[in-house]
Amino acid sequence: MPQQFKRCCLVLGLLASTCASVDAQILKSQPTRKIMRVAKPMFTDDAGEGVFFRDVFEEALVGKRPPVPSASSLAADRVGGVDDSAGKTWSRLISAATLEDEVKVLQQQLSRDLTTVSRFRSDHAKIQKSFEQLSLMFGVVREYDGKIRWKADAAVVQKSFETAAVSARAGDETGFASSKRSVEDLVQLVRGDRFPGKAKPPEKLDWSSVTGHSPIMKRLQVLQDEIKVATSNESDFKKQQPAIIHTAELIAMMAEAVQQEDMDYADDEEYVAYAKQMSAAAIAAAKASRNSNYELLSNAVNGVGQSCADCHGDFR
């Protein structure tokens, strides 16, 4: 290595050592800054005087305490916050498609059941129930606020099946002949013709004549069992969606029907509250099924069952 290069490296090393020593001296000579912190607050027993109430019930609240929400209103909130305010109509409870489908199901069922007089004698109670359901369906169709089939004939059709249910009660040959004519008229209506019946309906629907309280309760029990089974398995409940929506809407409609003027218990506030609870839960179930929300659906179906159980606990 050349001698000149060695001298250069030595000089650079001495300079670096000198600079490091100078920097250290400068840092050592600078004063250390002391960080000042806020003093820890001190509290006394009367620190909140004038800010907080000593007794909120004695010093702040005025008047009587508001009433505790009813079980029915709380249940309606739990199942989806359904607005159940007054002034709403049948279309919020059941679609035209569900009503039309249910009428077709009942027509097919009656066509299968009404075959011979001997069978009618043994099954007339079943035939009567189908006619009662048709009377209820067409009572709703008559008052339906949306577009729906058979609206023009609904008043006559409803009265015809109300009468048919009474005729089927005896289970005799006369009742069989009358039932056959009623079913033939219904078949004609469903396939698109005008209803040939000549019944004279009242100007205003009398719900106490449309259907009895007991037939609705029996049908509701069947529907409740059906929707419970259809929603019992999360993995395949989507396959049951159309049936769940159909059943939920029927439950909502029937829960509304029992509240109509002149129906049994329609003037009992507690009973009406249970009916509203069931209707709200059924509406929520139909909505949850459409949205494929199994958790909300399950809660809503439980709400339907709870309203039924609570009602039966007070009304037997």
C-alpha atoms as a PDB file:
ATOM      1  CA  MET A   1       0.000   0.000   0.000  1.00  0.00           C
ATOM      2  CA  PRO A   2       1.509   3.425  -0.931  1.00  0.00           C
ATOM      3  CA  GLN A   3       2.816   5.521   1.922  1.00  0.00           C
ATOM      4  CA  GLN A   4       0.697   8.543   0.957  1.00  0.00           C
ATOM      5  CA  PHE A   5      -2.558   6.522   1.198  1.00  0.00           C
ATOM      6  CA  LYS A   6      -1.639   5.326   4.719  1.00  0.00           C
ATOM      7  CA  ARG A   7      -1.101   8.891   5.877  1.00  0.00           C
ATOM      8  CA  CYS A   8      -4.521   9.901   4.494  1.00  0.00           C
ATOM      9  CA  CYS A   9      -6.326   7.089   6.367  1.00  0.00           C
ATOM     10  CA  LEU A  10      -4.585   8.023   9.611  1.00  0.00           C
ATOM     11  CA  VAL A  11      -5.617  11.685   9.294  1.00  0.00           C
ATOM     12  CA  LEU A  12      -9.269  10.749   8.626  1.00  0.00           C
ATOM     13  CA  GLY A  13      -9.350   8.459  11.674  1.00  0.00           C
ATOM     14  CA  LEU A  14      -7.969  11.198  13.924  1.00  0.00           C
ATOM     15  CA  LEU A  15     -10.574  13.697  12.616  1.00  0.00           C
ATOM     16  CA  ALA A  16     -13.488  11.272  13.247  1.00  0.00           C
ATOM     17  CA  SER A  17     -12.301  10.592  16.781  1.00  0.00           C
ATOM     18  CA  THR A  18     -11.966  14.321  17.494  1.00  0.00           C
ATOM     19  CA  CYS A  19     -15.527  15.076  16.170  1.00  0.00           C
ATOM     20  CA  ALA A  20     -17.090  12.315  18.275  1.00  0.00           C
ATOM     21  CA  SER A  21     -15.341  13.666  21.385  1.00  0.00           C
ATOM     22  CA  VAL A  22     -16.548  17.218  20.669  1.00  0.00           C
ATOM     23  CA  ASP A  23     -20.193  16.030  20.170  1.00  0.00           C
ATOM     24  CA  ALA A  24     -20.110  14.150  23.431  1.00  0.00           C
ATOM     25  CA  GLN A  25     -18.861  17.223  25.282  1.00  0.00           C
ATOM     26  CA  ILE A  26     -21.621  19.384  23.758  1.00  0.00           C
ATOM     27  CA  LEU A  27     -24.372  16.949  24.739  1.00  0.00           C
ATOM     28  CA  LYS A  28     -22.960  16.608  28.227  1.00  0.00           C
ATOM     29  CA  SER A  29     -22.888  20.368  28.711  1.00  0.00           C
ATOM     30  CA  GLN A  30     -26.615  20.860  27.739  1.00  0.00           C
ATOM     31  CA  PRO A  31     -29.091  20.975  30.698  1.00  0.00           C
ATOM     32  CA  THR A  32     -31.646  18.145  31.053  1.00  0.00           C
ATOM     33  CA  ARG A  33     -35.280  19.355  30.494  1.00  0.00           C
ATOM     34  CA  LYS A  34     -37.711  18.279  33.208  1.00  0.00           C
ATOM     35  CA  ILE A  35     -41.216  17.264  31.988  1.00  0.00           C
ATOM     36  CA  MET A  36     -44.019  18.774  34.038  1.00  0.00           C
ATOM     37  CA  ARG A  37     -47.239  16.706  34.406  1.00  0.00           C
ATOM     38  CA  VAL A  38     -50.718  17.683  35.538  1.00  0.00           C
ATOM     39  CA  ALA A  39     -51.279  17.071  39.211  1.00  0.00           C
ATOM     40  CA  LYS A  40     -53.489  14.129  40.191  1.00  0.00           C
ATOM     41  CA  PRO A  41     -57.059  15.375  40.849  1.00  0.00           C
ATOM     42  CA  MET A  42     -58.408  15.195  44.355  1.00  0.00           C
ATOM     43  CA  PHE A  43     -62.093  14.485  45.029  1.00  0.00           C
ATOM     44  CA  THR A  44     -64.128  15.173  48.122  1.00  0.00           C
ATOM     45  CA  ASP A  45     -67.445  13.686  49.214  1.00  0.00           C
ATOM     46  CA  ASP A  46     -69.363  16.773  48.090  1.00  0.00           C
ATOM     47  CA  ALA A  47     -67.621  17.153  44.708  1.00  0.00           C
ATOM     48  CA  GLY A  48     -70.803  16.255  42.774  1.00  0.00           C
ATOM     49  CA  GLU A  49     -73.050  18.564  44.786  1.00  0.00           C
ATOM     50  CA  GLY A  50     -75.472  20.313  42.446  1.00  0.00           C
ATOM     51  CA  VAL A  51     -74.530  18.112  39.506  1.00  0.00           C
ATOM     52  CA  PHE A  52     -76.056  14.757  40.403  1.00  0.00           C
ATOM     53  CA  PHE A  53     -79.314  13.986  42.219  1.00  0.00           C
ATOM     54  CA  ARG A  54     -79.004  12.440  45.654  1.00  0.00           C
ATOM     55  CA  ASP A  55     -82.345  10.672  45.069  1.00  0.00           C
ATOM     56  CA  VAL A  56     -83.679  10.832  41.509  1.00  0.00           C
ATOM     57  CA  PHE A  57     -87.135   9.576  42.525  1.00  0.00           C
ATOM     58  CA  GLU A  58     -87.640  12.319  45.150  1.00  0.00           C
ATOM     59  CA  GLU A  59     -85.837  15.244  43.491  1.00  0.00           C
ATOM     60  CA  ALA A  60     -86.318  14.750  39.722  1.00  0.00           C
ATOM     61  CA  LEU A  61     -89.329  12.634  38.749  1.00  0.00           C
ATOM     62  CA  VAL A  62     -92.727  14.297  38.704  1.00  0.00           C
ATOM     63  CA  GLY A  63     -96.123  12.574  38.590  1.00  0.00           C
ATOM     64  CA  LYS A  64     -96.973   8.911  38.319  1.00  0.00           C
ATOM     65  CA  ARG A  65     -94.652   6.399  36.733  1.00  0.00           C
ATOM     66  CA  PRO A  66     -95.658   5.457  33.138  1.00  0.00           C
ATOM     67  CA  PRO A  67     -97.343   2.064  32.645  1.00  0.00           C
ATOM     68  CA  VAL A  68     -95.159  -0.963  31.967  1.00  0.00           C
ATOM     69  CA  PRO A  69     -95.405  -2.095  28.293  1.00  0.00           C
ATOM     70  CA  SER A  70     -97.675  -5.094  27.810  1.00  0.00           C
ATOM     71  CA  ALA A  71     -96.324  -8.519  26.962  1.00  0.00           C
ATOM     72  CA  SER A  72     -97.977  -8.322  23.565  1.00  0.00           C
ATOM     73  CA  SER A  73     -96.263  -5.047  22.599  1.00  0.00           C
ATOM     74  CA  LEU A  74     -92.885  -6.312  23.782  1.00  0.00           C
ATOM     75  CA  ALA A  75     -93.315  -9.523  21.819  1.00  0.00           C
ATOM     76  CA  ALA A  76     -94.183  -7.584  18.688  1.00  0.00           C
ATOM     77  CA  ASP A  77     -90.981  -5.534  19.098  1.00  0.00           C
ATOM     78  CA  ARG A  78     -88.894  -8.675  19.599  1.00  0.00           C
ATOM     79  CA  VAL A  79     -90.085 -10.316  16.409  1.00  0.00           C
ATOM     80  CA  GLY A  80     -89.194  -7.491  14.110  1.00  0.00           C
ATOM     81  CA  GLY A  81     -90.648  -4.155  15.146  1.00  0.00           C
ATOM     82  CA  VAL A  82     -93.746  -4.574  12.998  1.00  0.00           C
ATOM     83  CA  ASP A  83     -95.916  -1.468  12.701  1.00  0.00           C
ATOM     84  CA  ASP A  84     -99.373  -2.577  13.781  1.00  0.00           C
ATOM     85  CA  SER A  85    -100.966   0.857  13.775  1.00  0.00           C
ATOM     86  CA  ALA A  86    -104.621   1.435  13.095  1.00  0.00           C
ATOM     87  CA  GLY A  87    -105.937   2.141   9.626  1.00  0.00           C
ATOM     88  CA  LYS A  88    -104.004  -0.566   7.843  1.00  0.00           C
ATOM     89  CA  THR A  89    -105.771  -3.129   5.720  1.00  0.00           C
ATOM     90  CA  TRP A  90    -105.897  -6.778   4.649  1.00  0.00           C
ATOM     91  CA  SER A  91    -103.174  -6.379   2.032  1.00  0.00           C
ATOM     92  CA  ARG A  92    -100.539  -5.828   4.717  1.00  0.00           C
ATOM     93  CA  LEU A  93    -101.431  -9.218   6.188  1.00  0.00           C
ATOM     94  CA  ILE A  94    -101.936 -11.474   3.204  1.00  0.00           C
ATOM     95  CA  SER A  95    -101.117 -11.218  -0.481  1.00  0.00           C
ATOM     96  CA  ALA A  96    -103.648 -11.689  -3.240  1.00  0.00           C
ATOM     97  CA  ALA A  97    -101.605 -14.690  -4.439  1.00  0.00           C
ATOM     98  CA  THR A  98    -101.880 -16.439  -1.060  1.00  0.00           C
ATOM     99  CA  LEU A  99    -105.637 -15.868  -0.910  1.00  0.00           C
ATOM    100  CA  GLU A 100    -106.109 -17.155  -4.452  1.00  0.00           C
ATOM    101  CA  ASP A 101    -103.889 -20.193  -3.826  1.00  0.00           C
ATOM    102  CA  GLU A 102    -105.757 -21.078  -0.629  1.00  0.00           C
ATOM    103  CA  VAL A 103    -109.105 -20.950  -2.444  1.00  0.00           C
ATOM    104  CA  LYS A 104    -107.732 -23.305  -5.102  1.00  0.00           C
ATOM    105  CA  VAL A 105    -106.414 -25.700  -2.444  1.00  0.00           C
ATOM    106  CA  LEU A 106    -109.813 -25.785  -0.737  1.00  0.00           C
ATOM    107  CA  GLN A 107    -111.582 -26.327  -4.071  1.00  0.00           C
ATOM    108  CA  GLN A 108    -109.348 -29.290  -4.925  1.00  0.00           C
ATOM    109  CA  GLN A 109    -109.780 -30.724  -1.435  1.00  0.00           C
ATOM    110  CA  LEU A 110    -113.577 -30.506  -1.657  1.00  0.00           C
ATOM    111  CA  SER A 111    -113.600 -32.086  -5.115  1.00  0.00           C
ATOM    112  CA  ARG A 112    -111.707 -35.069  -3.695  1.00  0.00           C
ATOM    113  CA  ASP A 113    -113.845 -35.383  -0.562  1.00  0.00           C
ATOM    114  CA  LEU A 114    -117.287 -34.997  -2.134  1.00  0.00           C
ATOM    115  CA  THR A 115    -117.717 -38.275  -3.990  1.00  0.00           C
ATOM    116  CA  THR A 116    -120.596 -40.318  -2.566  1.00  0.00           C
ATOM    117  CA  VAL A 117    -123.450 -39.842  -0.105  1.00  0.00           C
ATOM    118  CA  SER A 118    -122.079 -42.542   2.191  1.00  0.00           C
ATOM    119  CA  ARG A 119    -118.681 -40.854   2.379  1.00  0.00           C
ATOM    120  CA  PHE A 120    -120.357 -37.503   2.912  1.00  0.00           C
ATOM    121  CA  ARG A 121    -122.228 -38.911   5.893  1.00  0.00           C
ATOM    122  CA  SER A 122    -118.932 -39.852   7.552  1.00  0.00           C
ATOM    123  CA  ASP A 123    -116.909 -36.821   6.421  1.00  0.00           C
ATOM    124  CA  HIS A 124    -119.525 -34.049   6.512  1.00  0.00           C
ATOM    125  CA  ALA A 125    -117.771 -32.304   9.433  1.00  0.00           C
ATOM    126  CA  LYS A 126    -114.637 -32.042   7.311  1.00  0.00           C
ATOM    127  CA  ILE A 127    -116.666 -30.685   4.380  1.00  0.00           C
ATOM    128  CA  GLN A 128    -118.274 -28.147   6.691  1.00  0.00           C
ATOM    129  CA  LYS A 129    -114.868 -26.880   7.833  1.00  0.00           C
ATOM    130  CA  SER A 130    -113.760 -26.389   4.226  1.00  0.00           C
ATOM    131  CA  PHE A 131    -116.881 -24.353   3.477  1.00  0.00           C
ATOM    132  CA  GLU A 132    -116.291 -22.276   6.619  1.00  0.00           C
ATOM    133  CA  GLN A 133    -112.762 -21.556   5.442  1.00  0.00           C
ATOM    134  CA  LEU A 134    -114.057 -20.542   2.010  1.00  0.00           C
ATOM    135  CA  SER A 135    -116.573 -18.210   3.640  1.00  0.00           C
ATOM    136  CA  LEU A 136    -113.693 -16.601   5.548  1.00  0.00           C
ATOM    137  CA  MET A 137    -111.475 -16.332   2.452  1.00  0.00           C
ATOM    138  CA  PHE A 138    -114.162 -14.626   0.404  1.00  0.00           C
ATOM    139  CA  GLY A 139    -115.066 -12.368   3.313  1.00  0.00           C
ATOM    140  CA  VAL A 140    -111.504 -11.062   3.110  1.00  0.00           C
ATOM    141  CA  VAL A 141    -111.629 -10.924  -0.699  1.00  0.00           C
ATOM    142  CA  ARG A 142    -114.786  -8.820  -0.433  1.00  0.00           C
ATOM    143  CA  GLU A 143    -112.994  -6.251   1.756  1.00  0.00           C
ATOM    144  CA  TYR A 144    -109.571  -6.592   0.117  1.00  0.00           C
ATOM    145  CA  ASP A 145    -107.957  -3.229  -0.633  1.00  0.00           C
ATOM    146  CA  GLY A 146    -105.739  -4.405  -3.496  1.00  0.00           C
ATOM    147  CA  LYS A 147    -106.183  -6.005  -6.878  1.00  0.00           C
ATOM    148  CA  ILE A 148    -107.448  -9.559  -6.552  1.00  0.00           C
ATOM    149  CA  ARG A 149    -109.451 -12.094  -8.538  1.00  0.00           C
ATOM    150  CA  TRP A 150    -113.148 -12.675  -7.828  1.00  0.00           C
ATOM    151  CA  LYS A 151    -113.659  -9.279  -6.182  1.00  0.00           C
ATOM    152  CA  ALA A 152    -116.805  -8.623  -8.229  1.00  0.00           C
ATOM    153  CA  ASP A 153    -118.431 -11.871  -7.075  1.00  0.00           C
ATOM    154  CA  ALA A 154    -116.930 -12.020  -3.574  1.00  0.00           C
ATOM    155  CA  ALA A 155    -120.035 -10.885  -1.669  1.00  0.00           C
ATOM    156  CA  VAL A 156    -122.271 -13.512  -3.299  1.00  0.00           C
ATOM    157  CA  VAL A 157    -119.598 -16.217  -3.052  1.00  0.00           C
ATOM    158  CA  GLN A 158    -119.016 -15.558   0.647  1.00  0.00           C
ATOM    159  CA  LYS A 159    -122.700 -15.785   1.474  1.00  0.00           C
ATOM    160  CA  SER A 160    -123.054 -18.950  -0.622  1.00  0.00           C
ATOM    161  CA  PHE A 161    -120.338 -20.780   1.302  1.00  0.00           C
ATOM    162  CA  GLU A 162    -121.612 -19.484   4.623  1.00  0.00           C
ATOM    163  CA  THR A 163    -124.920 -21.176   3.711  1.00  0.00           C
ATOM    164  CA  ALA A 164    -123.164 -24.279   2.377  1.00  0.00           C
ATOM    165  CA  ALA A 165    -121.381 -24.772   5.703  1.00  0.00           C
ATOM    166  CA  VAL A 166    -124.735 -24.764   7.498  1.00  0.00           C
ATOM    167  CA  SER A 167    -126.247 -27.221   4.969  1.00  0.00           C
ATOM    168  CA  ALA A 168    -123.341 -29.659   5.349  1.00  0.00           C
ATOM    169  CA  ARG A 169    -123.741 -29.811   9.113  1.00  0.00           C
ATOM    170  CA  ALA A 170    -126.508 -32.438   9.082  1.00  0.00           C
ATOM    171  CA  GLY A 171    -124.618 -34.900   6.879  1.00  0.00           C
ATOM    172  CA  ASP A 172    -127.718 -36.063   4.997  1.00  0.00           C
ATOM    173  CA  GLU A 173    -128.582 -36.474   1.300  1.00  0.00           C
ATOM    174  CA  THR A 174    -129.934 -32.947   1.038  1.00  0.00           C
ATOM    175  CA  GLY A 175    -126.704 -31.580   2.454  1.00  0.00           C
ATOM    176  CA  PHE A 176    -124.696 -33.702   0.030  1.00  0.00           C
ATOM    177  CA  ALA A 177    -126.627 -32.412  -2.995  1.00  0.00           C
ATOM    178  CA  SER A 178    -126.270 -28.811  -1.816  1.00  0.00           C
ATOM    179  CA  SER A 179    -122.542 -29.284  -1.194  1.00  0.00           C
ATOM    180  CA  LYS A 180    -122.020 -30.755  -4.657  1.00  0.00           C
ATOM    181  CA  ARG A 181    -123.687 -27.739  -6.281  1.00  0.00           C
ATOM    182  CA  SER A 182    -121.565 -25.357  -4.203  1.00  0.00           C
ATOM    183  CA  VAL A 183    -118.341 -27.090  -5.239  1.00  0.00           C
ATOM    184  CA  GLU A 184    -119.391 -27.097  -8.906  1.00  0.00           C
ATOM    185  CA  ASP A 185    -120.037 -23.349  -8.664  1.00  0.00           C
ATOM    186  CA  LEU A 186    -116.589 -22.871  -7.113  1.00  0.00           C
ATOM    187  CA  VAL A 187    -114.897 -24.894  -9.865  1.00  0.00           C
ATOM    188  CA  GLN A 188    -116.575 -22.686 -12.427  1.00  0.00           C
ATOM    189  CA  LEU A 189    -115.357 -19.542 -10.634  1.00  0.00           C
ATOM    190  CA  VAL A 190    -111.764 -20.767 -10.294  1.00  0.00           C
ATOM    191  CA  ARG A 191    -111.482 -21.624 -13.986  1.00  0.00           C
ATOM    192  CA  GLY A 192    -112.430 -18.058 -14.900  1.00  0.00           C
ATOM    193  CA  ASP A 193    -116.218 -17.945 -15.253  1.00  0.00           C
ATOM    194  CA  ARG A 194    -118.648 -15.852 -13.250  1.00  0.00           C
ATOM    195  CA  PHE A 195    -120.011 -17.418 -10.085  1.00  0.00           C
ATOM    196  CA  PRO A 196    -123.492 -18.820 -10.833  1.00  0.00           C
ATOM    197  CA  GLY A 197    -124.734 -18.734  -7.235  1.00  0.00           C
ATOM    198  CA  LYS A 198    -127.696 -16.492  -6.406  1.00  0.00           C
ATOM    199  CA  ALA A 199    -127.223 -15.853  -2.690  1.00  0.00           C
ATOM    200  CA  LYS A 200    -128.213 -12.405  -1.422  1.00  0.00           C
ATOM    201  CA  PRO A 201    -125.415 -10.944   0.707  1.00  0.00           C
ATOM    202  CA  PRO A 202    -125.956  -8.170   3.260  1.00  0.00           C
ATOM    203  CA  GLU A 203    -124.779  -4.684   2.323  1.00  0.00           C
ATOM    204  CA  LYS A 204    -122.244  -4.757   5.160  1.00  0.00           C
ATOM    205  CA  LEU A 205    -120.275  -7.856   6.025  1.00  0.00           C
ATOM    206  CA  ASP A 206    -121.333  -9.416   9.326  1.00  0.00           C
ATOM    207  CA  TRP A 207    -118.179 -11.152  10.532  1.00  0.00           C
ATOM    208  CA  SER A 208    -119.982 -13.084  13.238  1.00  0.00           C
ATOM    209  CA  SER A 209    -121.881 -14.867  10.417  1.00  0.00           C
ATOM    210  CA  VAL A 210    -118.928 -15.267   8.066  1.00  0.00           C
ATOM    211  CA  THR A 211    -117.244 -17.805  10.320  1.00  0.00           C
ATOM    212  CA  GLY A 212    -117.332 -18.870  13.924  1.00  0.00           C
ATOM    213  CA  HIS A 213    -114.587 -18.263  16.453  1.00  0.00           C
ATOM    214  CA  SER A 214    -114.003 -21.978  17.011  1.00  0.00           C
ATOM    215  CA  PRO A 215    -113.272 -22.861  13.333  1.00  0.00           C
ATOM    216  CA  ILE A 216    -110.637 -20.140  13.180  1.00  0.00           C
ATOM    217  CA  MET A 217    -108.993 -21.348  16.390  1.00  0.00           C
ATOM    218  CA  LYS A 218    -108.859 -24.929  15.127  1.00  0.00           C
ATOM    219  CA  ARG A 219    -107.389 -23.840  11.799  1.00  0.00           C
ATOM    220  CA  LEU A 220    -104.841 -21.627  13.558  1.00  0.00           C
ATOM    221  CA  GLN A 221    -103.636 -24.594  15.611  1.00  0.00           C
ATOM    222  CA  VAL A 222    -103.063 -26.601  12.424  1.00  0.00           C
ATOM    223  CA  LEU A 223    -101.234 -23.695  10.770  1.00  0.00           C
ATOM    224  CA  GLN A 224     -99.080 -23.133  13.850  1.00  0.00           C
ATOM    225  CA  ASP A 225     -98.012 -26.792  13.841  1.00  0.00           C
ATOM    226  CA  GLU A 226     -97.248 -26.598  10.111  1.00  0.00           C
ATOM    227  CA  ILE A 227     -95.040 -23.510  10.352  1.00  0.00           C
ATOM    228  CA  LYS A 228     -93.223 -24.915  13.380  1.00  0.00           C
ATOM    229  CA  VAL A 229     -92.306 -28.085  11.471  1.00  0.00           C
ATOM    230  CA  ALA A 230     -91.359 -26.150   8.318  1.00  0.00           C
ATOM    231  CA  THR A 231     -88.924 -23.923  10.259  1.00  0.00           C
ATOM    232  CA  SER A 232     -87.419 -26.561  12.545  1.00  0.00           C
ATOM    233  CA  ASN A 233     -84.331 -27.185  10.412  1.00  0.00           C
ATOM    234  CA  GLU A 234     -82.104 -24.293   9.348  1.00  0.00           C
ATOM    235  CA  SER A 235     -80.234 -26.333   6.731  1.00  0.00           C
ATOM    236  CA  ASP A 236     -83.260 -26.834   4.486  1.00  0.00           C
ATOM    237  CA  PHE A 237     -85.780 -24.172   5.545  1.00  0.00           C
ATOM    238  CA  LYS A 238     -85.188 -22.342   2.245  1.00  0.00           C
ATOM    239  CA  LYS A 239     -86.844 -25.241   0.439  1.00  0.00           C
ATOM    240  CA  GLN A 240     -89.947 -24.512   2.496  1.00  0.00           C
ATOM    241  CA  GLN A 241     -89.992 -20.745   1.867  1.00  0.00           C
ATOM    242  CA  PRO A 242     -93.158 -20.594  -0.298  1.00  0.00           C
ATOM    243  CA  ALA A 243     -95.078 -22.784   2.167  1.00  0.00           C
ATOM    244  CA  ILE A 244     -93.785 -20.789   5.158  1.00  0.00           C
ATOM    245  CA  ILE A 245     -94.865 -17.476   3.615  1.00  0.00           C
ATOM    246  CA  HIS A 246     -98.270 -18.922   2.703  1.00  0.00           C
ATOM    247  CA  THR A 247     -98.833 -20.265   6.223  1.00  0.00           C
ATOM    248  CA  ALA A 248     -97.559 -17.120   7.966  1.00  0.00           C
ATOM    249  CA  GLU A 249     -99.863 -14.889   5.923  1.00  0.00           C
ATOM    250  CA  LEU A 250    -102.861 -17.089   6.691  1.00  0.00           C
ATOM    251  CA  ILE A 251    -102.039 -16.875  10.410  1.00  0.00           C
ATOM    252  CA  ALA A 252    -101.778 -13.079  10.222  1.00  0.00           C
ATOM    253  CA  MET A 253    -105.102 -12.866   8.371  1.00  0.00           C
ATOM    254  CA  MET A 254    -106.944 -15.121  10.823  1.00  0.00           C
ATOM    255  CA  ALA A 255    -105.494 -13.308  13.817  1.00  0.00           C
ATOM    256  CA  GLU A 256    -106.970 -10.153  12.316  1.00  0.00           C
ATOM    257  CA  ALA A 257    -110.303 -11.822  11.546  1.00  0.00           C
ATOM    258  CA  VAL A 258    -110.971 -12.679  15.195  1.00  0.00           C
ATOM    259  CA  GLN A 259    -110.682  -8.978  16.024  1.00  0.00           C
ATOM    260  CA  GLN A 260    -113.471  -7.935  13.662  1.00  0.00           C
ATOM    261  CA  GLU A 261    -116.621  -6.360  14.994  1.00  0.00           C
ATOM    262  CA  ASP A 262    -119.183  -8.812  16.405  1.00  0.00           C
ATOM    263  CA  MET A 263    -116.667 -11.652  16.667  1.00  0.00           C
ATOM    264  CA  ASP A 264    -116.437 -13.435  20.021  1.00  0.00           C
ATOM    265  CA  TYR A 265    -114.072 -11.628  22.416  1.00  0.00           C
ATOM    266  CA  ALA A 266    -113.574  -8.748  19.947  1.00  0.00           C
ATOM    267  CA  ASP A 267    -114.550  -6.356  22.748  1.00  0.00           C
ATOM    268  CA  ASP A 268    -112.046  -7.865  25.208  1.00  0.00           C
ATOM    269  CA  GLU A 269    -108.901  -5.705  25.235  1.00  0.00           C
ATOM    270  CA  GLU A 270    -106.667  -8.445  26.600  1.00  0.00           C
ATOM    271  CA  TYR A 271    -107.813 -10.954  23.988  1.00  0.00           C
ATOM    272  CA  VAL A 272    -107.343  -8.411  21.183  1.00  0.00           C
ATOM    273  CA  ALA A 273    -103.817  -7.729  22.473  1.00  0.00           C
ATOM    274  CA  TYR A 274    -102.957 -11.423  22.120  1.00  0.00           C
ATOM    275  CA  ALA A 275    -104.451 -11.462  18.616  1.00  0.00           C
ATOM    276  CA  LYS A 276    -102.377  -8.428  17.631  1.00  0.00           C
ATOM    277  CA  GLN A 277     -99.289 -10.124  19.059  1.00  0.00           C
ATOM    278  CA  MET A 278     -99.927 -13.176  16.889  1.00  0.00           C
ATOM    279  CA  SER A 279    -100.613 -11.096  13.792  1.00  0.00           C
ATOM    280  CA  ALA A 280     -97.413  -9.069  14.285  1.00  0.00           C
ATOM    281  CA  ALA A 281     -95.346 -12.219  14.765  1.00  0.00           C
ATOM    282  CA  ALA A 282     -96.836 -13.835  11.656  1.00  0.00           C
ATOM    283  CA  ILE A 283     -96.124 -10.740   9.535  1.00  0.00           C
ATOM    284  CA  ALA A 284     -92.528 -10.795  10.794  1.00  0.00           C
ATOM    285  CA  ALA A 285     -92.250 -14.515   9.957  1.00  0.00           C
ATOM    286  CA  ALA A 286     -93.378 -13.951   6.372  1.00  0.00           C
ATOM    287  CA  LYS A 287     -90.934 -11.053   5.972  1.00  0.00           C
ATOM    288  CA  ALA A 288     -88.016 -12.996   7.473  1.00  0.00           C
ATOM    289  CA  SER A 289     -88.724 -15.939   5.188  1.00  0.00           C
ATOM    290  CA  ARG A 290     -88.720 -13.703   2.109  1.00  0.00           C
ATOM    291  CA  ASN A 291     -85.364 -12.284   3.236  1.00  0.00           C
ATOM    292  CA  SER A 292     -83.960 -15.766   3.990  1.00  0.00           C
ATOM    293  CA  ASN A 293     -83.184 -14.684   7.557  1.00  0.00           C
ATOM    294  CA  TYR A 294     -83.522 -17.861   9.591  1.00  0.00           C
ATOM    295  CA  GLU A 295     -82.738 -16.265  12.956  1.00  0.00           C
ATOM    296  CA  LEU A 296     -85.502 -13.666  12.629  1.00  0.00           C
ATOM    297  CA  LEU A 297     -87.831 -16.302  11.216  1.00  0.00           C
ATOM    298  CA  SER A 298     -87.255 -18.601  14.174  1.00  0.00           C
ATOM    299  CA  ASN A 299     -87.866 -15.739  16.627  1.00  0.00           C
ATOM    300  CA  ALA A 300     -91.059 -14.781  14.824  1.00  0.00           C
ATOM    301  CA  VAL A 301     -92.398 -18.341  14.786  1.00  0.00           C
ATOM    302  CA  ASN A 302     -91.661 -18.559  18.509  1.00  0.00           C
ATOM    303  CA  GLY A 303     -93.634 -15.331  18.893  1.00  0.00           C
ATOM    304  CA  VAL A 304     -96.612 -16.921  17.150  1.00  0.00           C
ATOM    305  CA  GLY A 305     -96.464 -19.902  19.495  1.00  0.00           C
ATOM    306  CA  GLN A 306     -95.987 -17.732  22.568  1.00  0.00           C
ATOM    307  CA  SER A 307     -99.001 -15.578  21.742  1.00  0.00           C
ATOM    308  CA  CYS A 308    -101.093 -18.719  21.356  1.00  0.00           C
ATOM    309  CA  ALA A 309     -99.841 -20.181  24.635  1.00  0.00           C
ATOM    310  CA  ASP A 310    -100.349 -16.909  26.541  1.00  0.00           C
ATOM    311  CA  CYS A 311    -103.867 -16.545  25.175  1.00  0.00           C
ATOM    312  CA  HIS A 312    -104.816 -20.118  26.072  1.00  0.00           C
ATOM    313  CA  GLY A 313    -103.496 -19.481  29.568  1.00  0.00           C
ATOM    314  CA  ASP A 314    -106.131 -16.761  30.058  1.00  0.00           C
ATOM    315  CA  PHE A 315    -108.898 -17.861  27.664  1.00  0.00           C
ATOM    316  CA  ARG A 316    -109.920 -21.496  27.657  1.00  0.00           C
END
